[in-house]
N, C-alpha and C. Protein backbone atom coordinates (compact mmCIF):
# COMPACT_ATOMS: atom_id res chain seq x y z
N UNK A 1 3.29 -58.26 -6.37
CA UNK A 1 2.05 -58.62 -5.70
C UNK A 1 1.31 -57.35 -5.29
N UNK A 2 0.03 -57.33 -5.52
CA UNK A 2 -0.77 -56.16 -5.17
C UNK A 2 -0.90 -56.01 -3.67
N UNK A 3 -0.86 -54.79 -3.24
CA UNK A 3 -1.05 -54.46 -1.83
C UNK A 3 -2.53 -54.65 -1.49
N UNK A 4 -2.85 -55.15 -0.29
CA UNK A 4 -4.25 -55.37 0.05
C UNK A 4 -5.00 -54.05 0.20
N UNK A 5 -6.24 -54.03 -0.27
CA UNK A 5 -7.12 -52.88 -0.11
C UNK A 5 -7.95 -53.16 1.13
N UNK A 6 -7.46 -52.70 2.27
CA UNK A 6 -7.99 -53.10 3.56
C UNK A 6 -8.21 -51.90 4.46
N UNK A 7 -9.39 -51.83 5.04
CA UNK A 7 -9.73 -50.78 5.99
C UNK A 7 -10.30 -51.43 7.24
N UNK A 8 -10.52 -50.60 8.25
CA UNK A 8 -11.24 -51.05 9.44
C UNK A 8 -12.40 -50.11 9.67
N UNK A 9 -13.36 -50.56 10.47
CA UNK A 9 -14.50 -49.71 10.80
C UNK A 9 -15.06 -50.12 12.15
N UNK A 10 -15.83 -49.23 12.72
CA UNK A 10 -16.53 -49.53 13.97
C UNK A 10 -17.96 -49.91 13.61
N UNK A 11 -18.38 -51.09 14.05
CA UNK A 11 -19.74 -51.55 13.79
C UNK A 11 -20.70 -50.58 14.46
N UNK A 12 -21.64 -50.09 13.69
CA UNK A 12 -22.60 -49.10 14.17
C UNK A 12 -22.38 -47.73 13.58
N UNK A 13 -21.13 -47.46 13.13
CA UNK A 13 -20.85 -46.20 12.46
C UNK A 13 -21.39 -46.29 11.03
N UNK A 14 -21.73 -45.16 10.42
CA UNK A 14 -22.20 -45.20 9.04
C UNK A 14 -21.16 -45.85 8.12
N UNK A 15 -21.62 -46.65 7.20
CA UNK A 15 -20.73 -47.35 6.27
C UNK A 15 -20.08 -46.36 5.31
N UNK A 16 -18.78 -46.55 5.07
CA UNK A 16 -18.07 -45.74 4.08
C UNK A 16 -18.52 -46.19 2.70
N UNK A 17 -18.68 -45.25 1.80
CA UNK A 17 -19.13 -45.57 0.45
C UNK A 17 -18.15 -46.45 -0.29
N UNK A 18 -16.85 -46.29 -0.01
CA UNK A 18 -15.83 -47.07 -0.71
C UNK A 18 -15.23 -48.15 0.18
N UNK A 19 -15.93 -48.54 1.24
CA UNK A 19 -15.39 -49.47 2.22
C UNK A 19 -15.31 -50.91 1.76
N UNK A 20 -16.00 -51.24 0.69
CA UNK A 20 -15.97 -52.61 0.20
C UNK A 20 -16.76 -53.57 1.06
N UNK A 21 -16.38 -54.82 1.03
CA UNK A 21 -17.05 -55.87 1.78
C UNK A 21 -16.76 -55.67 3.27
N UNK A 22 -17.82 -55.50 4.07
CA UNK A 22 -17.67 -55.26 5.51
C UNK A 22 -17.77 -56.58 6.27
N UNK A 23 -16.67 -56.95 6.93
CA UNK A 23 -16.57 -58.22 7.63
C UNK A 23 -16.52 -57.96 9.13
N UNK A 24 -17.32 -58.72 9.89
CA UNK A 24 -17.38 -58.56 11.34
C UNK A 24 -16.80 -59.80 12.02
N UNK A 25 -15.52 -59.77 12.39
CA UNK A 25 -14.92 -60.90 13.10
C UNK A 25 -15.17 -60.78 14.60
N UNK A 26 -16.42 -60.87 14.97
CA UNK A 26 -16.83 -60.65 16.36
C UNK A 26 -17.41 -61.92 16.97
N UNK A 27 -17.34 -62.00 18.27
CA UNK A 27 -17.86 -63.16 18.99
C UNK A 27 -19.38 -63.24 18.86
N UNK A 28 -20.04 -62.06 18.89
CA UNK A 28 -21.50 -62.05 18.84
C UNK A 28 -21.99 -61.01 17.81
N UNK A 29 -23.15 -61.29 17.21
CA UNK A 29 -23.75 -60.30 16.30
C UNK A 29 -24.36 -59.16 17.12
N UNK A 30 -24.85 -58.12 16.48
CA UNK A 30 -25.42 -56.99 17.22
C UNK A 30 -26.61 -57.43 18.09
N UNK A 31 -26.61 -56.97 19.31
CA UNK A 31 -27.70 -57.32 20.24
C UNK A 31 -29.02 -56.70 19.80
N UNK A 32 -30.05 -57.52 19.86
CA UNK A 32 -31.39 -57.03 19.58
C UNK A 32 -31.68 -56.72 18.13
N UNK A 33 -30.78 -57.08 17.25
CA UNK A 33 -30.96 -56.81 15.82
C UNK A 33 -31.30 -58.13 15.13
N UNK A 34 -32.47 -58.21 14.49
CA UNK A 34 -32.81 -59.45 13.78
C UNK A 34 -31.79 -59.76 12.68
N UNK A 35 -31.56 -61.04 12.44
CA UNK A 35 -30.58 -61.48 11.45
C UNK A 35 -30.80 -60.81 10.10
N UNK A 36 -32.04 -60.59 9.73
CA UNK A 36 -32.35 -59.96 8.46
C UNK A 36 -31.92 -58.50 8.38
N UNK A 37 -31.53 -57.92 9.51
CA UNK A 37 -31.10 -56.52 9.55
C UNK A 37 -29.60 -56.35 9.75
N UNK A 38 -28.89 -57.45 9.88
CA UNK A 38 -27.44 -57.35 10.10
C UNK A 38 -26.76 -56.60 8.98
N UNK A 39 -27.29 -56.65 7.77
CA UNK A 39 -26.66 -55.99 6.62
C UNK A 39 -26.46 -54.49 6.85
N UNK A 40 -27.23 -53.92 7.78
CA UNK A 40 -27.05 -52.49 8.09
C UNK A 40 -25.71 -52.26 8.80
N UNK A 41 -25.16 -53.31 9.41
CA UNK A 41 -23.94 -53.19 10.20
C UNK A 41 -22.72 -53.80 9.52
N UNK A 42 -22.92 -54.90 8.79
CA UNK A 42 -21.83 -55.57 8.10
C UNK A 42 -22.41 -56.50 7.05
N UNK A 43 -21.54 -56.96 6.15
CA UNK A 43 -21.96 -57.87 5.08
C UNK A 43 -21.80 -59.34 5.48
N UNK A 44 -20.74 -59.63 6.22
CA UNK A 44 -20.43 -61.01 6.61
C UNK A 44 -20.05 -61.04 8.08
N UNK A 45 -20.70 -61.92 8.84
CA UNK A 45 -20.31 -62.15 10.22
C UNK A 45 -19.33 -63.30 10.22
N UNK A 46 -18.14 -63.13 10.80
CA UNK A 46 -17.09 -64.13 10.73
C UNK A 46 -16.52 -64.40 12.13
N UNK A 47 -17.29 -65.08 12.97
CA UNK A 47 -16.83 -65.32 14.35
C UNK A 47 -15.59 -66.20 14.44
N UNK A 48 -15.22 -66.90 13.36
CA UNK A 48 -14.02 -67.73 13.37
C UNK A 48 -12.76 -66.90 13.62
N UNK A 49 -12.81 -65.60 13.35
CA UNK A 49 -11.66 -64.73 13.57
C UNK A 49 -11.84 -63.84 14.80
N UNK A 50 -12.84 -64.12 15.59
CA UNK A 50 -13.04 -63.39 16.84
C UNK A 50 -12.12 -63.94 17.91
N UNK A 51 -11.79 -63.14 18.91
CA UNK A 51 -11.03 -63.68 20.04
C UNK A 51 -11.82 -64.83 20.68
N UNK A 52 -11.12 -65.81 21.21
CA UNK A 52 -11.77 -66.94 21.88
C UNK A 52 -12.63 -66.43 23.04
N UNK A 53 -13.62 -67.22 23.47
CA UNK A 53 -14.43 -66.80 24.62
C UNK A 53 -13.58 -66.49 25.85
N UNK A 54 -12.53 -67.27 26.08
CA UNK A 54 -11.67 -67.03 27.25
C UNK A 54 -10.94 -65.70 27.12
N UNK A 55 -10.33 -65.44 25.96
CA UNK A 55 -9.63 -64.18 25.76
C UNK A 55 -10.61 -63.02 25.79
N UNK A 56 -11.75 -63.19 25.17
CA UNK A 56 -12.77 -62.14 25.16
C UNK A 56 -13.21 -61.79 26.58
N UNK A 57 -13.33 -62.79 27.45
CA UNK A 57 -13.77 -62.57 28.83
C UNK A 57 -12.78 -61.70 29.60
N UNK A 58 -11.50 -61.73 29.22
CA UNK A 58 -10.48 -60.94 29.91
C UNK A 58 -10.12 -59.66 29.19
N UNK A 59 -10.73 -59.42 28.05
CA UNK A 59 -10.33 -58.31 27.19
C UNK A 59 -10.41 -56.96 27.89
N UNK A 60 -11.52 -56.65 28.51
CA UNK A 60 -11.70 -55.32 29.10
C UNK A 60 -10.61 -55.03 30.13
N UNK A 61 -10.27 -56.01 30.95
CA UNK A 61 -9.23 -55.83 31.97
C UNK A 61 -7.86 -55.70 31.31
N UNK A 62 -7.57 -56.55 30.34
CA UNK A 62 -6.25 -56.55 29.72
C UNK A 62 -5.96 -55.29 28.93
N UNK A 63 -6.92 -54.82 28.17
CA UNK A 63 -6.63 -53.69 27.28
C UNK A 63 -6.55 -52.35 28.01
N UNK A 64 -6.80 -52.36 29.31
CA UNK A 64 -6.78 -51.11 30.09
C UNK A 64 -5.37 -50.54 30.25
N UNK A 65 -4.35 -51.38 30.15
CA UNK A 65 -2.97 -50.91 30.29
C UNK A 65 -2.18 -51.29 29.04
N UNK A 66 -1.07 -50.60 28.83
CA UNK A 66 -0.23 -50.90 27.67
C UNK A 66 0.33 -52.32 27.76
N UNK A 67 0.81 -52.70 28.93
CA UNK A 67 1.36 -54.05 29.10
C UNK A 67 0.26 -55.10 28.89
N UNK A 68 -0.92 -54.84 29.40
CA UNK A 68 -2.04 -55.76 29.22
C UNK A 68 -2.45 -55.85 27.76
N UNK A 69 -2.47 -54.71 27.08
CA UNK A 69 -2.81 -54.72 25.65
C UNK A 69 -1.82 -55.57 24.87
N UNK A 70 -0.54 -55.44 25.18
CA UNK A 70 0.48 -56.23 24.48
C UNK A 70 0.27 -57.72 24.73
N UNK A 71 -0.06 -58.09 25.96
CA UNK A 71 -0.36 -59.51 26.27
C UNK A 71 -1.57 -59.98 25.49
N UNK A 72 -2.60 -59.14 25.46
CA UNK A 72 -3.83 -59.48 24.72
C UNK A 72 -3.53 -59.67 23.23
N UNK A 73 -2.79 -58.73 22.65
CA UNK A 73 -2.47 -58.80 21.22
C UNK A 73 -1.64 -60.05 20.91
N UNK A 74 -0.70 -60.40 21.78
CA UNK A 74 0.09 -61.62 21.57
C UNK A 74 -0.79 -62.86 21.66
N UNK A 75 -1.69 -62.89 22.65
CA UNK A 75 -2.58 -64.04 22.82
C UNK A 75 -3.50 -64.17 21.61
N UNK A 76 -4.05 -63.06 21.13
CA UNK A 76 -4.93 -63.10 19.95
C UNK A 76 -4.14 -63.56 18.72
N UNK A 77 -2.92 -63.07 18.56
CA UNK A 77 -2.08 -63.47 17.44
C UNK A 77 -1.82 -64.98 17.49
N UNK A 78 -1.55 -65.51 18.68
CA UNK A 78 -1.37 -66.97 18.82
C UNK A 78 -2.63 -67.72 18.40
N UNK A 79 -3.79 -67.22 18.84
CA UNK A 79 -5.04 -67.87 18.44
C UNK A 79 -5.21 -67.86 16.93
N UNK A 80 -4.83 -66.78 16.29
CA UNK A 80 -5.00 -66.66 14.84
C UNK A 80 -3.96 -67.46 14.07
N UNK A 81 -2.95 -68.00 14.76
CA UNK A 81 -1.95 -68.82 14.08
C UNK A 81 -2.39 -70.28 13.94
N UNK A 82 -3.52 -70.64 14.55
CA UNK A 82 -4.06 -71.99 14.39
C UNK A 82 -4.52 -72.17 12.95
N UNK A 83 -4.67 -73.41 12.52
CA UNK A 83 -4.93 -73.71 11.11
C UNK A 83 -6.14 -72.98 10.54
N UNK A 84 -7.31 -73.14 11.13
CA UNK A 84 -8.52 -72.52 10.54
C UNK A 84 -8.44 -71.00 10.48
N UNK A 85 -8.09 -70.32 11.58
CA UNK A 85 -7.97 -68.86 11.45
C UNK A 85 -6.89 -68.44 10.47
N UNK A 86 -5.75 -69.14 10.48
CA UNK A 86 -4.66 -68.78 9.57
C UNK A 86 -5.10 -68.90 8.11
N UNK A 87 -5.84 -69.96 7.78
CA UNK A 87 -6.32 -70.13 6.42
C UNK A 87 -7.38 -69.08 6.06
N UNK A 88 -8.21 -68.73 7.03
CA UNK A 88 -9.22 -67.70 6.79
C UNK A 88 -8.55 -66.35 6.56
N UNK A 89 -7.51 -66.07 7.32
CA UNK A 89 -6.75 -64.82 7.13
C UNK A 89 -6.11 -64.81 5.75
N UNK A 90 -5.57 -65.94 5.32
CA UNK A 90 -4.98 -66.02 3.96
C UNK A 90 -6.05 -65.75 2.90
N UNK A 91 -7.24 -66.28 3.10
CA UNK A 91 -8.34 -66.03 2.16
C UNK A 91 -8.67 -64.54 2.12
N UNK A 92 -8.79 -63.90 3.29
CA UNK A 92 -9.09 -62.47 3.32
C UNK A 92 -7.98 -61.66 2.67
N UNK A 93 -6.73 -62.09 2.85
CA UNK A 93 -5.61 -61.39 2.21
C UNK A 93 -5.73 -61.47 0.69
N UNK A 94 -6.09 -62.65 0.19
CA UNK A 94 -6.24 -62.81 -1.26
C UNK A 94 -7.40 -61.97 -1.78
N UNK A 95 -8.50 -61.95 -1.04
CA UNK A 95 -9.65 -61.13 -1.44
C UNK A 95 -9.27 -59.66 -1.43
N UNK A 96 -8.56 -59.22 -0.39
CA UNK A 96 -8.20 -57.81 -0.26
C UNK A 96 -7.21 -57.35 -1.33
N UNK A 97 -6.50 -58.28 -1.95
CA UNK A 97 -5.62 -57.90 -3.06
C UNK A 97 -6.43 -57.62 -4.32
N UNK A 98 -7.68 -58.08 -4.36
CA UNK A 98 -8.52 -57.95 -5.55
C UNK A 98 -9.67 -56.95 -5.41
N UNK A 99 -10.15 -56.80 -4.16
CA UNK A 99 -11.30 -55.93 -3.94
C UNK A 99 -11.23 -55.35 -2.53
N UNK A 100 -11.80 -54.18 -2.30
CA UNK A 100 -11.74 -53.60 -0.95
C UNK A 100 -12.51 -54.43 0.07
N UNK A 101 -11.90 -54.57 1.25
CA UNK A 101 -12.61 -55.16 2.38
C UNK A 101 -12.37 -54.28 3.60
N UNK A 102 -13.28 -54.39 4.55
CA UNK A 102 -13.16 -53.65 5.80
C UNK A 102 -13.44 -54.60 6.96
N UNK A 103 -12.61 -54.52 7.99
CA UNK A 103 -12.73 -55.36 9.17
C UNK A 103 -13.33 -54.51 10.29
N UNK A 104 -14.43 -55.00 10.89
CA UNK A 104 -15.11 -54.20 11.89
C UNK A 104 -15.27 -54.87 13.23
N UNK A 105 -15.45 -54.04 14.24
CA UNK A 105 -15.72 -54.49 15.60
C UNK A 105 -16.48 -53.37 16.32
N UNK A 106 -16.99 -53.69 17.49
CA UNK A 106 -17.76 -52.72 18.27
C UNK A 106 -16.89 -51.77 19.08
N UNK A 107 -15.62 -52.09 19.29
CA UNK A 107 -14.75 -51.29 20.14
C UNK A 107 -14.65 -49.85 19.65
N UNK A 108 -14.66 -48.92 20.59
CA UNK A 108 -14.52 -47.51 20.26
C UNK A 108 -13.09 -47.19 19.86
N UNK A 109 -12.11 -47.71 20.61
CA UNK A 109 -10.71 -47.42 20.39
C UNK A 109 -10.06 -48.51 19.55
N UNK A 110 -9.88 -48.24 18.28
CA UNK A 110 -9.30 -49.23 17.38
C UNK A 110 -7.89 -49.63 17.80
N UNK A 111 -7.15 -48.73 18.41
CA UNK A 111 -5.79 -49.05 18.79
C UNK A 111 -5.72 -50.09 19.90
N UNK A 112 -6.83 -50.34 20.58
CA UNK A 112 -6.90 -51.38 21.61
C UNK A 112 -7.99 -52.39 21.27
N UNK A 113 -8.09 -52.73 20.00
CA UNK A 113 -9.12 -53.65 19.51
C UNK A 113 -8.47 -54.72 18.65
N UNK A 114 -9.02 -55.92 18.72
CA UNK A 114 -8.46 -57.02 17.94
C UNK A 114 -8.48 -56.73 16.44
N UNK A 115 -9.35 -55.82 15.99
CA UNK A 115 -9.40 -55.56 14.55
C UNK A 115 -8.10 -54.94 14.05
N UNK A 116 -7.40 -54.17 14.92
CA UNK A 116 -6.12 -53.61 14.50
C UNK A 116 -5.07 -54.72 14.35
N UNK A 117 -5.10 -55.71 15.22
CA UNK A 117 -4.18 -56.84 15.13
C UNK A 117 -4.52 -57.68 13.90
N UNK A 118 -5.82 -57.92 13.70
CA UNK A 118 -6.25 -58.71 12.54
C UNK A 118 -5.87 -58.02 11.24
N UNK A 119 -6.01 -56.72 11.20
CA UNK A 119 -5.61 -55.98 9.99
C UNK A 119 -4.13 -56.23 9.70
N UNK A 120 -3.29 -56.15 10.72
CA UNK A 120 -1.86 -56.39 10.54
C UNK A 120 -1.60 -57.82 10.05
N UNK A 121 -2.31 -58.79 10.62
CA UNK A 121 -2.13 -60.18 10.21
C UNK A 121 -2.55 -60.40 8.76
N UNK A 122 -3.63 -59.76 8.34
CA UNK A 122 -4.08 -59.87 6.94
C UNK A 122 -3.05 -59.22 6.02
N UNK A 123 -2.56 -58.05 6.40
CA UNK A 123 -1.55 -57.37 5.58
C UNK A 123 -0.28 -58.21 5.47
N UNK A 124 0.14 -58.82 6.57
CA UNK A 124 1.32 -59.69 6.54
C UNK A 124 1.08 -60.89 5.62
N UNK A 125 -0.10 -61.48 5.72
CA UNK A 125 -0.42 -62.63 4.89
C UNK A 125 -0.45 -62.26 3.41
N UNK A 126 -0.86 -61.04 3.12
CA UNK A 126 -0.94 -60.56 1.74
C UNK A 126 0.42 -60.13 1.21
N UNK A 127 1.40 -60.05 2.11
CA UNK A 127 2.71 -59.59 1.68
C UNK A 127 2.78 -58.08 1.58
N UNK A 128 1.76 -57.42 2.15
CA UNK A 128 1.74 -55.95 2.13
C UNK A 128 2.47 -55.39 3.33
N UNK A 129 2.56 -54.08 3.38
CA UNK A 129 3.19 -53.44 4.51
C UNK A 129 2.26 -53.48 5.70
N UNK A 130 2.80 -53.39 6.88
CA UNK A 130 1.97 -53.41 8.09
C UNK A 130 1.83 -52.00 8.63
N UNK A 131 0.70 -51.78 9.24
CA UNK A 131 0.48 -50.48 9.89
C UNK A 131 0.51 -50.71 11.39
N UNK A 132 1.27 -49.87 12.08
CA UNK A 132 1.42 -49.86 13.52
C UNK A 132 1.14 -51.03 14.24
């Protein structure tokens, strides 16, 4: 089985030339940016893989500590184990085995961002190795 061709990016940073399809699993699109201009930030907005509104509301407080980050990551992983997110993750894993994709979010620190957890979940679904 092919390893997924998967990267992450920060929404707002210049797009990598080889980044592939840029997917934004975020709760909200960019503020103040007309829908016709979203392509400057990502190719597909996919809020189905964003943290729930409840988890998102507690994110800033939770990710401030290592223990809080671990609780947040576990809660997000549980949310992604539901049928619709799990199937969407499987779809992204299949796509990433065939073409490059990149998962993006607004967070500055990827190590404390749901995109790092989502990347791991996609890699696991694809049967690829996991990163940190």
